[in-house]
């Protein structure tokens, strides 16, 4: 331990992390209790974890059988980091465990931020940087929208940045491997990170600590690139095993129709060869995209722009996002900011380091004030964001009489009974093999959505539960009418928009 290190500063960091984890866990549990969590994606992960532990198979769920015949989440995304989370889930097999794990992972991601801040700026400023990082509304948005595996990325990527700057190559490679294990999309981010680390050695010690030899940095960058390319091939192979015929719906081409790219990997080539379409894609929802960029950068007073090499991996993802026509890619409150936040934070820290000591202290104070203002204005937890409906993260946990009635009705359904229910109720019943969710509307002519409706219609579950007053997808009424029209179901509970149907004797349950 360095003699000049101030233990009270470490206490601030630990306390900040503890407060974050407690507050965000409590808040997300309150949202869940108020039926403000959803099948897409908390229910998907809840049923996937439950089925893996109790039924077998690899993270199987019933939400997207029309897209993945095997039902495995690995048929959509290759995320082996879920296997590391599985032992924690086993301790308490409920979706609320996943919400707590998510808050813990995001809270702990502040610790490598503190370590890097301490090394670049000193103990006291490093502690302040870590505390203000936890005020980032982008981080809160990831945390407050159900459970997503991308929430593991701030922790793993922050360690990748830290270990790379220290020149601890083996640890950095391990952090890169963990990052890749979160989602196959991370391959592109790690490749850009490796190239940026190499470029920094040639132009100046920004992402990489001064003193690192050219040979070691080159070897490290080459290792990360080879690792990423290999991981990309492995991911494609695993996804093919669990989903041999990938639906057009899963290829993400619909996210880039303005640009004309059929896959995200085609975005760079399409943008270069078709510049007029790139301009059209950038101008699509231009106001929202500009507001998104301002929200991301303003919490650090735009200081991250001073370190383009550190920011490069985030810029690679942002370029794809801004060329898309898919609003969640460029809207606060979705999981995709997990790809960006670690690099904007690291760039701001290094930019601060390059200032003179007096200016550095003043700027650190200004950054802390900006972080507080940004959290008040944009965080899903802030009362100032009441009425925001830009993403599910901003829906407040306002439990009322309807919530109590719905909770009572759920208590009457046997824990092992098969059930069909709507988007915001499914996470409460997903801990069983035969729970199904009412799919989205088919009026837009989607073949995948039509298949989903047909599959659900063919399954006669023991119970059908809808709440017309809180139906997020607007399909519960049609499902309730269909249950009545078949003559196979009897209405056993009807309180306002809340309706519970039970399969009559002679029906066929799964």
Protein backbone atom coordinates (compact mmCIF):
# COMPACT_ATOMS: atom_id res chain seq x y z
CA UNK A 1 0.00 0.00 0.00
CA UNK A 2 1.26 3.45 -0.89
CA UNK A 3 1.87 5.59 2.18
CA UNK A 4 0.08 8.56 0.62
CA UNK A 5 -3.11 6.66 -0.07
CA UNK A 6 -6.12 7.96 1.80
CA UNK A 7 -8.30 5.15 3.20
CA UNK A 8 -11.25 7.52 3.58
CA UNK A 9 -11.32 7.84 -0.22
CA UNK A 10 -11.64 4.10 -0.61
CA UNK A 11 -14.53 4.20 1.85
CA UNK A 12 -16.26 6.71 -0.44
CA UNK A 13 -15.88 4.31 -3.36
CA UNK A 14 -17.14 1.31 -1.41
CA UNK A 15 -20.03 3.31 0.01
CA UNK A 16 -20.97 4.62 -3.46
CA UNK A 17 -21.04 1.11 -4.87
CA UNK A 18 -23.05 -0.20 -1.93
CA UNK A 19 -25.60 2.61 -2.17
CA UNK A 20 -25.88 2.11 -5.93
CA UNK A 21 -26.50 -1.62 -5.62
CA UNK A 22 -29.06 -1.21 -2.83
CA UNK A 23 -30.96 1.63 -4.52
CA UNK A 24 -31.00 0.13 -8.00
CA UNK A 25 -31.87 -3.35 -6.77
CA UNK A 26 -34.71 -1.97 -4.69
CA UNK A 27 -35.94 0.19 -7.55
CA UNK A 28 -35.93 -2.60 -10.13
CA UNK A 29 -37.62 -4.99 -7.70
CA UNK A 30 -40.30 -2.36 -7.13
CA UNK A 31 -40.77 -2.07 -10.90
CA UNK A 32 -41.14 -5.82 -11.14
CA UNK A 33 -43.69 -5.90 -8.32
CA UNK A 34 -45.65 -3.18 -10.15
CA UNK A 35 -45.66 -5.25 -13.38
CA UNK A 36 -43.30 -2.87 -15.17
CA UNK A 37 -40.99 -5.65 -16.34
CA UNK A 38 -41.60 -7.62 -19.50
CA UNK A 39 -41.29 -10.91 -21.33
CA UNK A 40 -38.87 -9.17 -23.70
CA UNK A 41 -36.37 -9.56 -22.08
CA UNK A 42 -36.69 -10.34 -18.36
CA UNK A 43 -39.13 -13.16 -19.05
CA UNK A 44 -36.86 -14.64 -21.70
CA UNK A 45 -33.93 -14.79 -19.31
CA UNK A 46 -36.08 -15.81 -16.34
CA UNK A 47 -37.50 -18.84 -18.14
CA UNK A 48 -34.13 -19.63 -19.76
CA UNK A 49 -32.35 -19.80 -16.40
CA UNK A 50 -35.19 -21.73 -14.74
CA UNK A 51 -35.38 -24.28 -17.54
CA UNK A 52 -31.60 -24.80 -17.58
CA UNK A 53 -31.61 -25.62 -13.87
CA UNK A 54 -34.84 -27.62 -13.66
CA UNK A 55 -35.53 -29.11 -17.09
CA UNK A 56 -32.20 -29.25 -18.86
CA UNK A 57 -31.06 -27.92 -22.18
CA UNK A 58 -29.26 -24.66 -22.77
CA UNK A 59 -31.18 -21.53 -21.76
CA UNK A 60 -34.45 -22.57 -23.40
CA UNK A 61 -37.54 -20.36 -23.39
CA UNK A 62 -40.93 -20.33 -25.09
CA UNK A 63 -41.03 -16.67 -26.10
CA UNK A 64 -39.45 -17.01 -29.53
CA UNK A 65 -40.10 -20.57 -30.67
CA UNK A 66 -41.27 -19.10 -33.97
CA UNK A 67 -37.73 -17.77 -34.48
CA UNK A 68 -35.64 -20.48 -32.84
CA UNK A 69 -37.07 -23.98 -33.05
CA UNK A 70 -34.80 -25.27 -30.28
CA UNK A 71 -35.98 -22.44 -28.03
CA UNK A 72 -32.40 -21.79 -26.86
CA UNK A 73 -31.23 -18.23 -26.31
CA UNK A 74 -27.93 -19.41 -27.83
CA UNK A 75 -29.81 -19.70 -31.12
CA UNK A 76 -30.11 -15.90 -31.08
CA UNK A 77 -26.97 -14.77 -29.24
CA UNK A 78 -23.89 -16.62 -28.04
CA UNK A 79 -23.52 -15.48 -24.42
CA UNK A 80 -21.57 -18.10 -22.44
CA UNK A 81 -21.09 -15.60 -19.60
CA UNK A 82 -24.61 -16.66 -18.58
CA UNK A 83 -23.04 -19.93 -17.40
CA UNK A 84 -21.02 -17.95 -14.85
CA UNK A 85 -24.21 -16.29 -13.59
CA UNK A 86 -26.05 -19.60 -13.33
CA UNK A 87 -24.61 -20.68 -9.93
CA UNK A 88 -25.83 -17.41 -8.36
CA UNK A 89 -29.29 -17.97 -9.84
CA UNK A 90 -29.39 -21.48 -8.37
CA UNK A 91 -29.23 -19.99 -4.86
CA UNK A 92 -32.61 -18.35 -5.42
CA UNK A 93 -34.43 -19.40 -8.56
CA UNK A 94 -36.44 -16.32 -9.37
CA UNK A 95 -36.23 -13.45 -11.86
CA UNK A 96 -35.62 -11.05 -8.99
CA UNK A 97 -32.24 -12.74 -8.52
CA UNK A 98 -31.31 -11.70 -12.05
CA UNK A 99 -32.31 -8.10 -11.31
CA UNK A 100 -30.09 -8.09 -8.21
CA UNK A 101 -27.16 -9.63 -10.13
CA UNK A 102 -27.51 -6.97 -12.81
CA UNK A 103 -27.41 -4.12 -10.27
CA UNK A 104 -24.41 -5.73 -8.56
CA UNK A 105 -22.46 -6.07 -11.80
CA UNK A 106 -23.14 -2.48 -12.83
CA UNK A 107 -22.31 -1.18 -9.36
CA UNK A 108 -19.03 -3.09 -9.22
CA UNK A 109 -18.05 -1.67 -12.61
CA UNK A 110 -17.21 1.54 -10.74
CA UNK A 111 -14.26 -0.12 -9.00
CA UNK A 112 -11.97 -0.38 -12.06
CA UNK A 113 -13.03 3.20 -12.87
CA UNK A 114 -11.74 4.18 -9.44
CA UNK A 115 -8.48 2.27 -9.88
CA UNK A 116 -7.79 3.92 -13.20
CA UNK A 117 -8.81 7.32 -11.85
CA UNK A 118 -6.51 6.87 -8.87
CA UNK A 119 -3.57 6.03 -11.07
CA UNK A 120 -4.22 8.89 -13.48
CA UNK A 121 -5.50 11.60 -11.15
CA UNK A 122 -4.69 10.66 -7.56
CA UNK A 123 -6.61 8.97 -4.78
CA UNK A 124 -9.13 11.68 -3.98
CA UNK A 125 -10.02 12.61 -7.56
CA UNK A 126 -10.18 8.94 -8.53
CA UNK A 127 -12.75 8.31 -5.81
CA UNK A 128 -14.83 11.27 -6.97
CA UNK A 129 -14.65 10.06 -10.58
CA UNK A 130 -15.92 6.61 -9.53
CA UNK A 131 -18.77 8.09 -7.51
CA UNK A 132 -19.85 10.38 -10.34
CA UNK A 133 -19.63 7.48 -12.81
CA UNK A 134 -22.39 5.77 -10.83
CA UNK A 135 -24.61 8.81 -11.47
CA UNK A 136 -24.46 8.26 -15.24
CA UNK A 137 -28.07 8.16 -16.56
CA UNK A 138 -26.95 5.83 -19.34
CA UNK A 139 -25.85 3.31 -16.72
CA UNK A 140 -29.18 3.72 -14.91
CA UNK A 141 -31.04 3.14 -18.17
CA UNK A 142 -29.30 -0.18 -18.71
CA UNK A 143 -30.07 -1.14 -15.11
CA UNK A 144 -33.75 -0.13 -15.10
CA UNK A 145 -34.85 -1.97 -18.24
CA UNK A 146 -35.48 -5.60 -17.30
CA UNK A 147 -32.41 -7.88 -17.39
CA UNK A 148 -29.99 -7.95 -20.30
CA UNK A 149 -26.71 -9.80 -20.60
CA UNK A 150 -25.08 -6.60 -21.94
CA UNK A 151 -25.24 -5.27 -18.36
CA UNK A 152 -22.12 -7.36 -17.67
CA UNK A 153 -20.10 -5.32 -20.20
CA UNK A 154 -19.29 -2.19 -18.16
CA UNK A 155 -17.55 -4.39 -15.59
CA UNK A 156 -15.55 -6.47 -18.06
CA UNK A 157 -14.72 -3.61 -20.43
CA UNK A 158 -13.64 -1.30 -17.61
CA UNK A 159 -11.18 -3.96 -16.49
CA UNK A 160 -10.01 -4.43 -20.09
CA UNK A 161 -9.27 -0.70 -20.30
CA UNK A 162 -7.55 -0.66 -16.89
CA UNK A 163 -5.32 -3.69 -17.48
CA UNK A 164 -4.38 -2.53 -20.97
CA UNK A 165 -3.30 0.86 -19.68
CA UNK A 166 -1.23 -0.84 -16.96
CA UNK A 167 0.39 -3.14 -19.49
CA UNK A 168 -0.93 -6.23 -17.68
CA UNK A 169 -1.45 -8.09 -20.93
CA UNK A 170 -2.57 -11.48 -19.59
CA UNK A 171 -5.21 -9.90 -17.37
CA UNK A 172 -6.31 -7.66 -20.21
CA UNK A 173 -6.68 -10.66 -22.51
CA UNK A 174 -8.77 -12.40 -19.85
CA UNK A 175 -10.99 -9.31 -19.53
CA UNK A 176 -11.33 -9.22 -23.33
CA UNK A 177 -12.37 -12.88 -23.34
CA UNK A 178 -15.02 -12.22 -20.69
CA UNK A 179 -16.26 -9.25 -22.71
CA UNK A 180 -16.52 -11.39 -25.83
CA UNK A 181 -18.45 -14.00 -23.84
CA UNK A 182 -21.19 -11.46 -23.17
CA UNK A 183 -22.33 -11.07 -26.76
CA UNK A 184 -20.96 -11.84 -30.21
CA UNK A 185 -21.45 -8.17 -31.17
CA UNK A 186 -18.52 -7.30 -28.91
CA UNK A 187 -16.06 -8.82 -31.40
CA UNK A 188 -16.08 -5.60 -33.44
CA UNK A 189 -15.60 -3.45 -30.35
CA UNK A 190 -12.61 -5.48 -29.14
CA UNK A 191 -10.99 -5.36 -32.59
CA UNK A 192 -11.31 -1.57 -32.70
CA UNK A 193 -9.98 -1.42 -29.12
CA UNK A 194 -6.93 -3.46 -30.15
CA UNK A 195 -6.24 -1.22 -33.14
CA UNK A 196 -6.64 1.89 -30.98
CA UNK A 197 -4.19 0.48 -28.41
CA UNK A 198 -1.67 -0.14 -31.18
CA UNK A 199 -2.19 3.32 -32.67
CA UNK A 200 -1.76 4.91 -29.25
CA UNK A 201 1.66 3.31 -28.85
CA UNK A 202 2.69 4.86 -32.14
CA UNK A 203 1.22 8.32 -31.51
CA UNK A 204 1.28 8.80 -27.75
CA UNK A 205 0.59 7.01 -24.46
CA UNK A 206 -3.17 7.53 -24.07
CA UNK A 207 -4.94 4.18 -23.79
CA UNK A 208 -1.60 2.45 -23.06
CA UNK A 209 0.63 3.41 -20.14
CA UNK A 210 3.93 5.13 -20.98
CA UNK A 211 6.82 2.71 -21.13
CA UNK A 212 5.03 -0.18 -22.81
CA UNK A 213 7.23 -1.51 -25.60
CA UNK A 214 6.11 -1.47 -29.22
CA UNK A 215 6.61 -5.22 -29.49
CA UNK A 216 4.44 -6.04 -26.49
CA UNK A 217 1.65 -3.73 -27.61
CA UNK A 218 1.79 -5.16 -31.12
CA UNK A 219 1.66 -8.71 -29.77
CA UNK A 220 -1.23 -7.81 -27.49
CA UNK A 221 -3.19 -6.12 -30.27
CA UNK A 222 -2.61 -9.08 -32.59
CA UNK A 223 -3.75 -11.46 -29.85
CA UNK A 224 -6.99 -9.54 -29.32
CA UNK A 225 -7.72 -9.37 -33.04
CA UNK A 226 -7.10 -13.10 -33.54
CA UNK A 227 -9.13 -13.88 -30.41
CA UNK A 228 -12.02 -11.72 -31.63
CA UNK A 229 -12.06 -13.19 -35.12
CA UNK A 230 -11.93 -16.71 -33.71
CA UNK A 231 -14.70 -15.89 -31.27
CA UNK A 232 -16.82 -14.52 -34.12
CA UNK A 233 -16.48 -17.79 -36.03
CA UNK A 234 -17.22 -19.81 -32.88
CA UNK A 235 -20.30 -17.67 -32.16
CA UNK A 236 -21.67 -18.17 -35.66
CA UNK A 237 -21.10 -21.94 -35.34
CA UNK A 238 -22.86 -22.21 -31.97
CA UNK A 239 -25.80 -20.08 -33.12
CA UNK A 240 -26.09 -22.31 -36.21
CA UNK A 241 -26.21 -25.43 -34.04
CA UNK A 242 -29.14 -24.11 -32.01
CA UNK A 243 -30.78 -22.29 -34.91
CA UNK A 244 -29.80 -23.78 -38.29
CA UNK A 245 -32.16 -21.59 -40.30
CA UNK A 246 -31.90 -18.03 -39.01
CA UNK A 247 -35.09 -16.05 -39.54
CA UNK A 248 -34.88 -12.81 -41.53
CA UNK A 249 -36.34 -11.16 -38.45
CA UNK A 250 -33.20 -12.05 -36.47
CA UNK A 251 -30.75 -10.81 -39.09
CA UNK A 252 -31.30 -7.19 -38.03
CA UNK A 253 -31.70 -6.10 -41.66
CA UNK A 254 -34.89 -4.28 -40.71
CA UNK A 255 -32.77 -2.01 -38.50
CA UNK A 256 -30.88 -0.69 -41.54
CA UNK A 257 -33.49 -0.43 -44.30
CA UNK A 258 -32.77 3.27 -44.89
CA UNK A 259 -29.06 2.53 -45.33
CA UNK A 260 -29.78 -0.59 -47.36
CA UNK A 261 -27.60 -2.96 -45.32
CA UNK A 262 -28.92 -6.44 -44.65
CA UNK A 263 -26.59 -7.13 -41.71
CA UNK A 264 -24.74 -4.85 -39.25
CA UNK A 265 -21.43 -6.16 -40.60
CA UNK A 266 -22.34 -4.66 -43.99
CA UNK A 267 -22.87 -1.17 -42.56
CA UNK A 268 -19.30 0.20 -43.10
CA UNK A 269 -19.09 -0.94 -46.73
CA UNK A 270 -22.60 0.28 -47.50
CA UNK A 271 -21.93 3.67 -45.90
CA UNK A 272 -18.72 4.11 -47.93
CA UNK A 273 -20.04 2.90 -51.29
CA UNK A 274 -23.47 4.53 -50.97
CA UNK A 275 -22.80 7.91 -49.33
CA UNK A 276 -26.19 9.31 -50.32
CA UNK A 277 -27.91 6.48 -48.47
CA UNK A 278 -25.59 7.04 -45.50
CA UNK A 279 -26.72 10.67 -45.38
CA UNK A 280 -30.36 9.54 -45.55
CA UNK A 281 -29.76 7.08 -42.73
CA UNK A 282 -28.05 9.70 -40.57
CA UNK A 283 -30.86 12.17 -41.16
CA UNK A 284 -33.50 9.61 -40.21
CA UNK A 285 -34.73 10.64 -36.73
CA UNK A 286 -31.95 13.24 -36.79
CA UNK A 287 -33.28 15.21 -33.82
CA UNK A 288 -33.43 12.08 -31.65
CA UNK A 289 -29.92 11.06 -32.68
CA UNK A 290 -28.47 14.47 -31.89
CA UNK A 291 -30.24 14.50 -28.53
CA UNK A 292 -28.86 11.02 -27.84
CA UNK A 293 -25.28 12.09 -28.53
CA UNK A 294 -25.68 15.21 -26.42
CA UNK A 295 -27.05 13.13 -23.53
CA UNK A 296 -24.14 10.68 -23.73
CA UNK A 297 -21.41 13.31 -23.88
CA UNK A 298 -22.81 16.10 -21.73
CA UNK A 299 -22.46 14.25 -18.43
CA UNK A 300 -18.67 14.47 -18.92
CA UNK A 301 -18.85 18.00 -20.37
CA UNK A 302 -17.70 16.60 -23.73
CA UNK A 303 -14.18 16.01 -22.37
CA UNK A 304 -14.16 12.47 -23.79
CA UNK A 305 -13.97 13.97 -27.30
CA UNK A 306 -10.42 15.11 -26.47
CA UNK A 307 -9.27 11.46 -26.50
CA UNK A 308 -10.47 9.98 -29.81
CA UNK A 309 -8.30 6.87 -29.57
CA UNK A 310 -9.80 5.95 -26.19
CA UNK A 311 -13.26 6.74 -27.52
CA UNK A 312 -12.77 4.80 -30.77
CA UNK A 313 -14.46 1.51 -29.70
CA UNK A 314 -17.54 3.43 -28.56
CA UNK A 315 -17.48 5.46 -31.76
CA UNK A 316 -17.50 2.23 -33.77
CA UNK A 317 -20.73 1.16 -32.10
CA UNK A 318 -22.24 4.67 -32.24
CA UNK A 319 -21.57 4.87 -35.99
CA UNK A 320 -23.61 1.72 -36.53
CA UNK A 321 -26.34 3.01 -34.21
CA UNK A 322 -26.63 6.40 -35.91
CA UNK A 323 -26.83 4.80 -39.35
CA UNK A 324 -29.75 2.64 -38.26
CA UNK A 325 -33.48 3.26 -38.27
CA UNK A 326 -34.02 1.30 -35.05
CA UNK A 327 -34.80 3.78 -32.22
CA UNK A 328 -33.52 1.63 -29.31
CA UNK A 329 -30.02 1.92 -30.81
CA UNK A 330 -30.07 5.70 -30.36
CA UNK A 331 -32.33 6.19 -27.35
CA UNK A 332 -31.51 6.37 -23.65
CA UNK A 333 -32.88 3.59 -21.48
CA UNK A 334 -31.82 0.59 -23.53
CA UNK A 335 -29.09 -1.99 -23.00
CA UNK A 336 -26.97 -0.80 -25.92
CA UNK A 337 -25.35 2.00 -23.96
CA UNK A 338 -23.40 -0.71 -22.14
CA UNK A 339 -21.21 -0.82 -25.26
CA UNK A 340 -20.46 2.90 -24.97
CA UNK A 341 -20.27 4.01 -21.32
CA UNK A 342 -16.91 2.36 -20.40
CA UNK A 343 -15.08 4.16 -23.20
CA UNK A 344 -16.68 7.57 -22.70
CA UNK A 345 -15.72 7.34 -19.02
CA UNK A 346 -12.15 6.25 -19.72
CA UNK A 347 -11.71 8.98 -22.33
CA UNK A 348 -12.95 11.63 -19.88
CA UNK A 349 -10.56 10.34 -17.18
CA UNK A 350 -7.52 10.46 -19.44
CA UNK A 351 -8.51 13.86 -20.82
CA UNK A 352 -8.66 15.13 -17.25
CA UNK A 353 -5.21 13.68 -16.53
CA UNK A 354 -3.67 15.75 -19.29
CA UNK A 355 -4.69 19.03 -17.66
CA UNK A 356 -2.51 20.99 -15.26
CA UNK A 357 -3.04 20.18 -11.59
CA UNK A 358 -5.02 23.35 -10.76
CA UNK A 359 -7.18 23.07 -13.85
CA UNK A 360 -7.64 19.38 -13.15
CA UNK A 361 -9.18 20.02 -9.74
CA UNK A 362 -11.55 22.62 -11.11
CA UNK A 363 -12.55 20.40 -14.00
CA UNK A 364 -13.12 17.43 -11.65
CA UNK A 365 -15.48 19.60 -9.61
CA UNK A 366 -17.24 20.71 -12.79
CA UNK A 367 -17.57 17.09 -13.93
CA UNK A 368 -19.09 16.12 -10.59
CA UNK A 369 -21.62 18.94 -10.89
CA UNK A 370 -22.41 17.94 -14.48
CA UNK A 371 -22.93 14.32 -13.42
CA UNK A 372 -25.42 15.35 -10.75
CA UNK A 373 -27.28 17.63 -13.18
CA UNK A 374 -27.33 14.92 -15.84
CA UNK A 375 -28.69 12.35 -13.38
CA UNK A 376 -31.44 14.72 -12.25
CA UNK A 377 -32.43 15.56 -15.81
CA UNK A 378 -32.15 12.16 -17.49
CA UNK A 379 -31.98 9.27 -15.01
CA UNK A 380 -34.98 6.90 -14.87
CA UNK A 381 -34.79 7.24 -11.08
CA UNK A 382 -35.20 11.00 -11.14
CA UNK A 383 -38.64 12.52 -10.41
CA UNK A 384 -37.86 14.99 -13.19
CA UNK A 385 -38.25 12.18 -15.75
CA UNK A 386 -41.84 11.41 -14.75
CA UNK A 387 -43.81 11.14 -17.96
CA UNK A 388 -40.80 10.08 -20.05
CA UNK A 389 -41.77 7.07 -22.14
CA UNK A 390 -38.76 6.85 -24.41
CA UNK A 391 -38.03 3.34 -23.15
CA UNK A 392 -39.41 0.84 -20.61
CA UNK A 393 -36.63 1.92 -18.25
CA UNK A 394 -38.49 5.17 -17.57
CA UNK A 395 -41.77 3.58 -16.48
CA UNK A 396 -42.06 4.24 -12.78
CA UNK A 397 -43.03 1.57 -10.20
CA UNK A 398 -46.41 3.10 -9.32
CA UNK A 399 -48.21 0.12 -7.78
CA UNK A 400 -51.96 0.65 -7.30
CA UNK A 401 -55.19 -1.25 -6.75
CA UNK A 402 -54.87 -3.02 -10.10
CA UNK A 403 -51.45 -4.30 -9.13
CA UNK A 404 -52.78 -5.74 -5.88
CA UNK A 405 -55.66 -7.48 -7.69
CA UNK A 406 -53.33 -8.94 -10.27
CA UNK A 407 -50.97 -10.18 -7.56
CA UNK A 408 -53.91 -11.86 -5.78
CA UNK A 409 -55.09 -13.58 -8.95
CA UNK A 410 -51.58 -14.85 -9.72
CA UNK A 411 -51.51 -16.39 -6.24
CA UNK A 412 -54.49 -18.56 -7.18
CA UNK A 413 -52.78 -20.18 -10.16
CA UNK A 414 -50.88 -23.41 -9.32
CA UNK A 415 -47.14 -23.04 -9.68
CA UNK A 416 -46.85 -25.92 -12.14
CA UNK A 417 -49.89 -25.06 -14.28
CA UNK A 418 -49.46 -24.11 -17.92
CA UNK A 419 -50.38 -20.52 -18.68
CA UNK A 420 -50.65 -18.02 -21.50
CA UNK A 421 -50.39 -14.38 -20.50
CA UNK A 422 -49.29 -10.95 -21.69
CA UNK A 423 -45.94 -9.21 -21.90
CA UNK A 424 -45.85 -7.52 -18.46
CA UNK A 425 -47.27 -10.52 -16.55
CA UNK A 426 -45.08 -13.19 -18.11
CA UNK A 427 -41.98 -12.48 -15.94
CA UNK A 428 -44.10 -13.37 -12.88
CA UNK A 429 -44.98 -16.84 -14.23
CA UNK A 430 -41.90 -17.67 -16.33
CA UNK A 431 -40.49 -20.06 -13.71
CA UNK A 432 -42.25 -23.06 -15.21
CA UNK A 433 -41.85 -25.15 -18.34
CA UNK A 434 -45.22 -24.35 -19.90
CA UNK A 435 -45.52 -20.58 -19.64
CA UNK A 436 -46.22 -18.73 -22.88
CA UNK A 437 -46.47 -15.07 -23.80
CA UNK A 438 -48.95 -13.42 -26.16
CA UNK A 439 -46.85 -12.24 -29.13
CA UNK A 440 -46.95 -8.74 -30.65
CA UNK A 441 -49.61 -7.61 -33.10
CA UNK A 442 -49.45 -8.95 -36.67
CA UNK A 443 -51.16 -6.05 -38.42
CA UNK A 444 -47.85 -4.92 -39.93
CA UNK A 445 -47.64 -8.12 -41.92
CA UNK A 446 -44.58 -9.64 -40.26
CA UNK A 447 -44.26 -13.31 -41.19
CA UNK A 448 -42.43 -14.05 -37.93
CA UNK A 449 -45.17 -12.38 -35.87
CA UNK A 450 -47.86 -14.30 -37.78
CA UNK A 451 -46.10 -17.59 -37.05
CA UNK A 452 -45.87 -16.64 -33.38
CA UNK A 453 -49.62 -16.01 -33.22
CA UNK A 454 -50.35 -19.31 -34.93
CA UNK A 455 -48.13 -21.24 -32.53
CA UNK A 456 -49.71 -19.67 -29.46
CA UNK A 457 -53.21 -20.29 -30.81
CA UNK A 458 -52.40 -23.99 -31.16
CA UNK A 459 -51.40 -24.31 -27.49
CA UNK A 460 -54.34 -24.70 -25.12
CA UNK A 461 -52.81 -23.85 -21.77
CA UNK A 462 -54.63 -24.56 -18.50
CA UNK A 463 -54.94 -20.85 -17.80
CA UNK A 464 -55.15 -17.67 -19.85
CA UNK A 465 -54.58 -14.45 -17.90
CA UNK A 466 -54.93 -10.95 -19.33
CA UNK A 467 -55.18 -7.46 -17.91
CA UNK A 468 -56.67 -5.16 -20.52
CA UNK A 469 -55.86 -2.10 -18.41
CA UNK A 470 -52.10 -2.66 -18.50
CA UNK A 471 -51.62 -4.54 -21.78
CA UNK A 472 -48.32 -3.21 -23.23
CA UNK A 473 -48.64 -4.77 -26.69
CA UNK A 474 -52.36 -4.25 -27.25
CA UNK A 475 -53.02 -7.92 -28.00
CA UNK A 476 -54.60 -9.15 -24.76
CA UNK A 477 -58.16 -8.29 -25.83
CA UNK A 478 -57.88 -10.39 -28.96
CA UNK A 479 -56.50 -13.29 -26.92
CA UNK A 480 -59.32 -13.04 -24.37
CA UNK A 481 -61.90 -13.05 -27.15
CA UNK A 482 -60.25 -16.05 -28.77
CA UNK A 483 -60.35 -17.95 -25.45
CA UNK A 484 -64.08 -17.29 -25.20
CA UNK A 485 -64.78 -18.14 -28.83
CA UNK A 486 -63.13 -21.57 -28.65
CA UNK A 487 -65.62 -22.72 -26.01
CA UNK A 488 -62.79 -24.52 -24.25
CA UNK A 489 -62.30 -21.94 -21.51
CA UNK A 490 -64.41 -20.70 -18.63
CA UNK A 491 -64.03 -17.19 -17.22
CA UNK A 492 -63.25 -17.71 -13.53
CA UNK A 493 -62.18 -14.17 -12.57
CA UNK A 494 -63.27 -10.86 -14.05
CA UNK A 495 -62.42 -7.63 -12.25
CA UNK A 496 -62.33 -4.59 -14.54
CA UNK A 497 -59.87 -5.36 -17.31
CA UNK A 498 -58.44 -8.33 -15.41
CA UNK A 499 -59.66 -11.66 -16.77
CA UNK A 500 -58.60 -15.19 -15.85
CA UNK A 501 -59.75 -18.13 -17.96
CA UNK A 502 -59.40 -21.80 -17.04
CA UNK A 503 -59.43 -24.72 -19.47
CA UNK A 504 -62.57 -26.77 -19.13
CA UNK A 505 -62.46 -30.54 -18.63
CA UNK A 506 -61.91 -32.23 -21.97
CA UNK A 507 -59.58 -29.55 -23.25
CA UNK A 508 -56.00 -30.41 -24.15
CA UNK A 509 -53.30 -28.82 -22.01
CA UNK A 510 -49.59 -28.98 -22.94
